[in-house]
């Protein structure tokens, strides 16, 4: 695979993903398209703040009041319950801070998620605490849905499995690509390798 100057992800994480991709590909497998996940903050992600802000404010208020009460205990010290109440609030503060950080997750993923479409499959290589590689063979690709912006960036959702849940309702599993800079290129590449499923033939009568 030839990486050109436009592949501007030059971090150590991106270099590790490129090496992982070279190790993953089969000798005769060729790349049709590849793209890095964009570090784009989506406004709709901030909807979680409707819940996260009051949660965090209440958790901080609880922990602060409990800490103040502990510091104003008598000469005998705060005791077990004096320490327990402020410590009880710390996990709730941590959860609140985590929810406040969720909208900024794409900035962390920049240069750490690589999507690749070869002549045999679709891959998603991501690097967080460990390297994770998700692969979907070409014969599992189904209908695709593209969401595209004016600049050509967007997301592509690929149906990769249709089945039934425990209640018997129809359930579809999707493989999501993006947001990436060239979402049209990703859809064209998947269209090239997606193999149409043959229509079921007429029933063959059982021999007597």
C-alpha atoms as a PDB file:
ATOM      1  CA  UNK A   1       0.000   0.000   0.000  1.00  0.00           C
ATOM      2  CA  UNK A   2       1.342   3.431  -0.953  1.00  0.00           C
ATOM      3  CA  UNK A   3       0.587   6.180   1.543  1.00  0.00           C
ATOM      4  CA  UNK A   4       0.625   9.611  -0.083  1.00  0.00           C
ATOM      5  CA  UNK A   5       1.129  13.075   1.356  1.00  0.00           C
ATOM      6  CA  UNK A   6      -2.611  13.507   1.821  1.00  0.00           C
ATOM      7  CA  UNK A   7      -2.483  10.826   4.502  1.00  0.00           C
ATOM      8  CA  UNK A   8      -1.629  13.474   7.091  1.00  0.00           C
ATOM      9  CA  UNK A   9      -2.125  11.296  10.175  1.00  0.00           C
ATOM     10  CA  UNK A  10       1.491  11.203  11.309  1.00  0.00           C
ATOM     11  CA  UNK A  11       1.077  10.373  14.975  1.00  0.00           C
ATOM     12  CA  UNK A  12       2.611   7.324  16.589  1.00  0.00           C
ATOM     13  CA  UNK A  13      -0.860   5.769  16.865  1.00  0.00           C
ATOM     14  CA  UNK A  14      -1.501   6.247  13.146  1.00  0.00           C
ATOM     15  CA  UNK A  15       1.869   4.708  12.289  1.00  0.00           C
ATOM     16  CA  UNK A  16       1.022   1.686  14.412  1.00  0.00           C
ATOM     17  CA  UNK A  17      -2.310   1.303  12.604  1.00  0.00           C
ATOM     18  CA  UNK A  18      -0.583   1.430   9.225  1.00  0.00           C
ATOM     19  CA  UNK A  19       1.818  -1.323  10.304  1.00  0.00           C
ATOM     20  CA  UNK A  20      -1.102  -3.361  11.635  1.00  0.00           C
ATOM     21  CA  UNK A  21      -2.880  -3.017   8.301  1.00  0.00           C
ATOM     22  CA  UNK A  22       0.154  -4.179   6.336  1.00  0.00           C
ATOM     23  CA  UNK A  23       0.369  -7.215   8.616  1.00  0.00           C
ATOM     24  CA  UNK A  24      -3.356  -7.915   8.242  1.00  0.00           C
ATOM     25  CA  UNK A  25      -3.578  -7.917   4.451  1.00  0.00           C
ATOM     26  CA  UNK A  26      -3.233 -11.135   2.473  1.00  0.00           C
ATOM     27  CA  UNK A  27      -0.491 -11.293  -0.207  1.00  0.00           C
ATOM     28  CA  UNK A  28      -2.899 -10.889  -3.145  1.00  0.00           C
ATOM     29  CA  UNK A  29      -5.320  -8.520  -1.393  1.00  0.00           C
ATOM     30  CA  UNK A  30      -5.514  -4.973  -2.783  1.00  0.00           C
ATOM     31  CA  UNK A  31      -6.859  -1.804  -1.191  1.00  0.00           C
ATOM     32  CA  UNK A  32      -9.645   0.017  -3.028  1.00  0.00           C
ATOM     33  CA  UNK A  33     -10.244   2.820  -0.504  1.00  0.00           C
ATOM     34  CA  UNK A  34      -9.104   3.962   2.910  1.00  0.00           C
ATOM     35  CA  UNK A  35      -9.955   6.856   5.189  1.00  0.00           C
ATOM     36  CA  UNK A  36      -9.235   8.146   8.690  1.00  0.00           C
ATOM     37  CA  UNK A  37     -12.051   8.928  11.066  1.00  0.00           C
ATOM     38  CA  UNK A  38     -12.478  12.676  11.338  1.00  0.00           C
ATOM     39  CA  UNK A  39     -12.089  14.405  14.691  1.00  0.00           C
ATOM     40  CA  UNK A  40     -15.384  16.231  14.281  1.00  0.00           C
ATOM     41  CA  UNK A  41     -17.600  17.278  17.167  1.00  0.00           C
ATOM     42  CA  UNK A  42     -21.265  16.732  16.342  1.00  0.00           C
ATOM     43  CA  UNK A  43     -23.697  19.260  17.921  1.00  0.00           C
ATOM     44  CA  UNK A  44     -26.265  16.524  18.609  1.00  0.00           C
ATOM     45  CA  UNK A  45     -23.814  14.880  20.994  1.00  0.00           C
ATOM     46  CA  UNK A  46     -24.318  17.793  23.385  1.00  0.00           C
ATOM     47  CA  UNK A  47     -27.912  16.682  23.995  1.00  0.00           C
ATOM     48  CA  UNK A  48     -26.509  14.513  26.746  1.00  0.00           C
ATOM     49  CA  UNK A  49     -25.806  17.742  28.657  1.00  0.00           C
ATOM     50  CA  UNK A  50     -29.545  17.995  29.410  1.00  0.00           C
ATOM     51  CA  UNK A  51     -28.951  15.129  31.819  1.00  0.00           C
ATOM     52  CA  UNK A  52     -25.213  15.437  32.474  1.00  0.00           C
ATOM     53  CA  UNK A  53     -25.166  19.037  33.755  1.00  0.00           C
ATOM     54  CA  UNK A  54     -27.749  18.662  36.544  1.00  0.00           C
ATOM     55  CA  UNK A  55     -26.312  15.243  37.449  1.00  0.00           C
ATOM     56  CA  UNK A  56     -22.787  16.653  37.816  1.00  0.00           C
ATOM     57  CA  UNK A  57     -23.967  19.790  39.637  1.00  0.00           C
ATOM     58  CA  UNK A  58     -25.902  17.739  42.172  1.00  0.00           C
ATOM     59  CA  UNK A  59     -23.002  15.308  42.649  1.00  0.00           C
ATOM     60  CA  UNK A  60     -20.565  18.186  43.241  1.00  0.00           C
ATOM     61  CA  UNK A  61     -22.974  19.894  45.642  1.00  0.00           C
ATOM     62  CA  UNK A  62     -23.500  16.682  47.614  1.00  0.00           C
ATOM     63  CA  UNK A  63     -19.776  15.937  47.808  1.00  0.00           C
ATOM     64  CA  UNK A  64     -18.918  19.536  48.708  1.00  0.00           C
ATOM     65  CA  UNK A  65     -21.473  19.726  51.511  1.00  0.00           C
ATOM     66  CA  UNK A  66     -20.400  16.354  52.856  1.00  0.00           C
ATOM     67  CA  UNK A  67     -16.751  17.436  52.781  1.00  0.00           C
ATOM     68  CA  UNK A  68     -17.551  20.715  54.555  1.00  0.00           C
ATOM     69  CA  UNK A  69     -19.489  18.858  57.224  1.00  0.00           C
ATOM     70  CA  UNK A  70     -16.584  16.482  57.709  1.00  0.00           C
ATOM     71  CA  UNK A  71     -14.102  19.334  58.166  1.00  0.00           C
ATOM     72  CA  UNK A  72     -16.271  20.958  60.831  1.00  0.00           C
ATOM     73  CA  UNK A  73     -16.536  17.910  63.060  1.00  0.00           C
ATOM     74  CA  UNK A  74     -15.467  18.037  66.671  1.00  0.00           C
ATOM     75  CA  UNK A  75     -12.183  17.102  68.258  1.00  0.00           C
ATOM     76  CA  UNK A  76     -12.933  13.394  67.908  1.00  0.00           C
ATOM     77  CA  UNK A  77     -12.481  13.641  64.128  1.00  0.00           C
ATOM     78  CA  UNK A  78     -14.926  12.841  61.344  1.00  0.00           C
ATOM     79  CA  UNK A  79     -15.204   9.132  62.072  1.00  0.00           C
ATOM     80  CA  UNK A  80     -16.342   6.470  59.623  1.00  0.00           C
ATOM     81  CA  UNK A  81     -19.548   8.151  58.480  1.00  0.00           C
ATOM     82  CA  UNK A  82     -17.809  11.496  58.196  1.00  0.00           C
ATOM     83  CA  UNK A  83     -15.490  10.026  55.554  1.00  0.00           C
ATOM     84  CA  UNK A  84     -18.133   7.791  53.974  1.00  0.00           C
ATOM     85  CA  UNK A  85     -20.495  10.547  52.803  1.00  0.00           C
ATOM     86  CA  UNK A  86     -17.980  12.566  50.703  1.00  0.00           C
ATOM     87  CA  UNK A  87     -16.409   9.375  49.368  1.00  0.00           C
ATOM     88  CA  UNK A  88     -19.869   8.132  48.380  1.00  0.00           C
ATOM     89  CA  UNK A  89     -20.279  11.160  46.127  1.00  0.00           C
ATOM     90  CA  UNK A  90     -16.986  10.774  44.253  1.00  0.00           C
ATOM     91  CA  UNK A  91     -18.172   8.000  41.848  1.00  0.00           C
ATOM     92  CA  UNK A  92     -21.176  10.141  40.907  1.00  0.00           C
ATOM     93  CA  UNK A  93     -18.877  13.093  40.205  1.00  0.00           C
ATOM     94  CA  UNK A  94     -16.700  10.852  38.021  1.00  0.00           C
ATOM     95  CA  UNK A  95     -19.732   9.645  36.042  1.00  0.00           C
ATOM     96  CA  UNK A  96     -20.869  13.235  35.531  1.00  0.00           C
ATOM     97  CA  UNK A  97     -17.459  14.337  34.272  1.00  0.00           C
ATOM     98  CA  UNK A  98     -17.397  11.358  31.917  1.00  0.00           C
ATOM     99  CA  UNK A  99     -20.779  12.337  30.450  1.00  0.00           C
ATOM    100  CA  UNK A 100     -19.581  15.917  29.985  1.00  0.00           C
ATOM    101  CA  UNK A 101     -16.572  14.616  28.049  1.00  0.00           C
ATOM    102  CA  UNK A 102     -18.562  12.348  25.696  1.00  0.00           C
ATOM    103  CA  UNK A 103     -19.167  15.035  22.994  1.00  0.00           C
ATOM    104  CA  UNK A 104     -15.393  15.515  22.692  1.00  0.00           C
ATOM    105  CA  UNK A 105     -14.722  11.821  22.078  1.00  0.00           C
ATOM    106  CA  UNK A 106     -14.127  12.255  18.311  1.00  0.00           C
ATOM    107  CA  UNK A 107     -11.165  14.537  19.048  1.00  0.00           C
ATOM    108  CA  UNK A 108      -9.539  11.686  20.954  1.00  0.00           C
ATOM    109  CA  UNK A 109     -10.280   9.234  18.114  1.00  0.00           C
ATOM    110  CA  UNK A 110      -8.569  11.407  15.486  1.00  0.00           C
ATOM    111  CA  UNK A 111      -5.662   9.471  13.997  1.00  0.00           C
ATOM    112  CA  UNK A 112      -6.660   6.366  15.961  1.00  0.00           C
ATOM    113  CA  UNK A 113      -9.390   4.892  13.728  1.00  0.00           C
ATOM    114  CA  UNK A 114      -8.681   3.749  10.165  1.00  0.00           C
ATOM    115  CA  UNK A 115     -11.268   2.378   7.730  1.00  0.00           C
ATOM    116  CA  UNK A 116     -10.121   0.251   4.807  1.00  0.00           C
ATOM    117  CA  UNK A 117     -11.996  -1.369   1.918  1.00  0.00           C
ATOM    118  CA  UNK A 118     -10.161  -4.056  -0.011  1.00  0.00           C
ATOM    119  CA  UNK A 119     -11.246  -6.267  -2.874  1.00  0.00           C
ATOM    120  CA  UNK A 120     -12.274  -8.884  -0.282  1.00  0.00           C
ATOM    121  CA  UNK A 121     -13.574  -7.156   2.823  1.00  0.00           C
ATOM    122  CA  UNK A 122     -14.138  -4.032   4.906  1.00  0.00           C
ATOM    123  CA  UNK A 123     -11.923  -3.330   7.918  1.00  0.00           C
ATOM    124  CA  UNK A 124     -11.995  -1.007  10.883  1.00  0.00           C
ATOM    125  CA  UNK A 125      -8.712  -0.661  12.767  1.00  0.00           C
ATOM    126  CA  UNK A 126      -8.823   1.269  16.026  1.00  0.00           C
ATOM    127  CA  UNK A 127      -6.260   1.899  18.719  1.00  0.00           C
ATOM    128  CA  UNK A 128      -7.204   2.754  22.283  1.00  0.00           C
ATOM    129  CA  UNK A 129      -5.729   0.761  25.131  1.00  0.00           C
ATOM    130  CA  UNK A 130      -5.270  -2.104  22.698  1.00  0.00           C
ATOM    131  CA  UNK A 131      -5.392  -2.623  18.946  1.00  0.00           C
ATOM    132  CA  UNK A 132      -8.806  -3.737  17.705  1.00  0.00           C
ATOM    133  CA  UNK A 133      -9.538  -4.919  14.152  1.00  0.00           C
ATOM    134  CA  UNK A 134     -13.073  -5.546  12.943  1.00  0.00           C
ATOM    135  CA  UNK A 135     -13.570  -7.267   9.581  1.00  0.00           C
ATOM    136  CA  UNK A 136     -16.642  -7.854   7.427  1.00  0.00           C
ATOM    137  CA  UNK A 137     -16.262 -10.158   4.385  1.00  0.00           C
ATOM    138  CA  UNK A 138     -17.561  -8.869   1.052  1.00  0.00           C
ATOM    139  CA  UNK A 139     -20.266 -11.515   0.867  1.00  0.00           C
ATOM    140  CA  UNK A 140     -21.904 -10.147   4.029  1.00  0.00           C
ATOM    141  CA  UNK A 141     -22.343  -6.598   2.725  1.00  0.00           C
ATOM    142  CA  UNK A 142     -25.931  -5.562   2.120  1.00  0.00           C
ATOM    143  CA  UNK A 143     -27.766  -2.285   1.635  1.00  0.00           C
ATOM    144  CA  UNK A 144     -25.888   0.921   2.415  1.00  0.00           C
ATOM    145  CA  UNK A 145     -27.035   4.315   3.719  1.00  0.00           C
ATOM    146  CA  UNK A 146     -24.877   7.388   3.106  1.00  0.00           C
ATOM    147  CA  UNK A 147     -25.086  10.658   5.030  1.00  0.00           C
ATOM    148  CA  UNK A 148     -23.033  13.284   3.223  1.00  0.00           C
ATOM    149  CA  UNK A 149     -22.197  16.927   3.938  1.00  0.00           C
ATOM    150  CA  UNK A 150     -21.523  19.643   1.409  1.00  0.00           C
ATOM    151  CA  UNK A 151     -17.762  19.135   1.719  1.00  0.00           C
ATOM    152  CA  UNK A 152     -18.068  15.445   0.780  1.00  0.00           C
ATOM    153  CA  UNK A 153     -17.506  14.129   4.280  1.00  0.00           C
ATOM    154  CA  UNK A 154     -20.001  11.941   6.063  1.00  0.00           C
ATOM    155  CA  UNK A 155     -20.852   8.479   7.306  1.00  0.00           C
ATOM    156  CA  UNK A 156     -21.752   5.213   5.608  1.00  0.00           C
ATOM    157  CA  UNK A 157     -23.848   2.525   7.285  1.00  0.00           C
ATOM    158  CA  UNK A 158     -23.607  -0.972   5.817  1.00  0.00           C
ATOM    159  CA  UNK A 159     -26.104  -3.705   6.620  1.00  0.00           C
ATOM    160  CA  UNK A 160     -24.025  -6.797   7.361  1.00  0.00           C
ATOM    161  CA  UNK A 161     -26.512  -9.155   8.985  1.00  0.00           C
ATOM    162  CA  UNK A 162     -30.284  -9.534   9.079  1.00  0.00           C
ATOM    163  CA  UNK A 163     -31.762 -11.883  11.622  1.00  0.00           C
ATOM    164  CA  UNK A 164     -34.339 -12.215  14.369  1.00  0.00           C
ATOM    165  CA  UNK A 165     -34.118 -11.235  18.012  1.00  0.00           C
ATOM    166  CA  UNK A 166     -35.388 -13.299  20.936  1.00  0.00           C
ATOM    167  CA  UNK A 167     -38.941 -12.034  20.330  1.00  0.00           C
ATOM    168  CA  UNK A 168     -38.864 -12.995  16.667  1.00  0.00           C
ATOM    169  CA  UNK A 169     -38.655  -9.387  15.449  1.00  0.00           C
ATOM    170  CA  UNK A 170     -36.471  -8.540  12.465  1.00  0.00           C
ATOM    171  CA  UNK A 171     -33.044  -7.252  13.523  1.00  0.00           C
ATOM    172  CA  UNK A 172     -30.336  -5.721  11.327  1.00  0.00           C
ATOM    173  CA  UNK A 173     -26.679  -5.337  12.277  1.00  0.00           C
ATOM    174  CA  UNK A 174     -24.782  -2.417  10.750  1.00  0.00           C
ATOM    175  CA  UNK A 175     -21.119  -1.674  10.117  1.00  0.00           C
ATOM    176  CA  UNK A 176     -20.545   2.089  10.325  1.00  0.00           C
ATOM    177  CA  UNK A 177     -17.810   3.930   8.444  1.00  0.00           C
ATOM    178  CA  UNK A 178     -17.135   7.478   9.474  1.00  0.00           C
ATOM    179  CA  UNK A 179     -17.275  10.265   9.702  1.00  0.00           C
ATOM    180  CA  UNK A 180     -14.640  10.253   6.952  1.00  0.00           C
ATOM    181  CA  UNK A 181     -13.562  12.845   4.398  1.00  0.00           C
ATOM    182  CA  UNK A 182     -14.579  10.918   1.246  1.00  0.00           C
ATOM    183  CA  UNK A 183     -17.761   9.064   2.075  1.00  0.00           C
ATOM    184  CA  UNK A 184     -18.790   8.756  -1.602  1.00  0.00           C
ATOM    185  CA  UNK A 185     -15.527   6.971  -2.347  1.00  0.00           C
ATOM    186  CA  UNK A 186     -16.252   4.542   0.481  1.00  0.00           C
ATOM    187  CA  UNK A 187     -19.699   3.743  -0.906  1.00  0.00           C
ATOM    188  CA  UNK A 188     -18.378   3.262  -4.432  1.00  0.00           C
ATOM    189  CA  UNK A 189     -15.714   0.874  -3.154  1.00  0.00           C
ATOM    190  CA  UNK A 190     -18.210  -1.204  -1.197  1.00  0.00           C
ATOM    191  CA  UNK A 191     -20.513  -1.335  -4.224  1.00  0.00           C
ATOM    192  CA  UNK A 192     -17.651  -2.831  -6.246  1.00  0.00           C
ATOM    193  CA  UNK A 193     -17.085  -5.723  -3.873  1.00  0.00           C
ATOM    194  CA  UNK A 194     -20.613  -6.391  -2.604  1.00  0.00           C
ATOM    195  CA  UNK A 195     -21.766  -9.647  -4.129  1.00  0.00           C
ATOM    196  CA  UNK A 196     -25.467  -9.852  -4.968  1.00  0.00           C
ATOM    197  CA  UNK A 197     -27.193 -12.715  -3.231  1.00  0.00           C
ATOM    198  CA  UNK A 198     -28.767 -15.138  -5.708  1.00  0.00           C
ATOM    199  CA  UNK A 199     -32.544 -15.262  -5.701  1.00  0.00           C
ATOM    200  CA  UNK A 200     -33.984 -18.496  -4.351  1.00  0.00           C
ATOM    201  CA  UNK A 201     -34.767 -20.921  -7.151  1.00  0.00           C
ATOM    202  CA  UNK A 202     -37.968 -22.872  -7.596  1.00  0.00           C
ATOM    203  CA  UNK A 203     -38.648 -25.625  -5.154  1.00  0.00           C
ATOM    204  CA  UNK A 204     -37.458 -29.021  -6.301  1.00  0.00           C
ATOM    205  CA  UNK A 205     -40.042 -31.740  -5.662  1.00  0.00           C
ATOM    206  CA  UNK A 206     -38.849 -34.593  -3.562  1.00  0.00           C
ATOM    207  CA  UNK A 207     -38.241 -37.780  -5.466  1.00  0.00           C
ATOM    208  CA  UNK A 208     -40.552 -40.635  -4.745  1.00  0.00           C
END
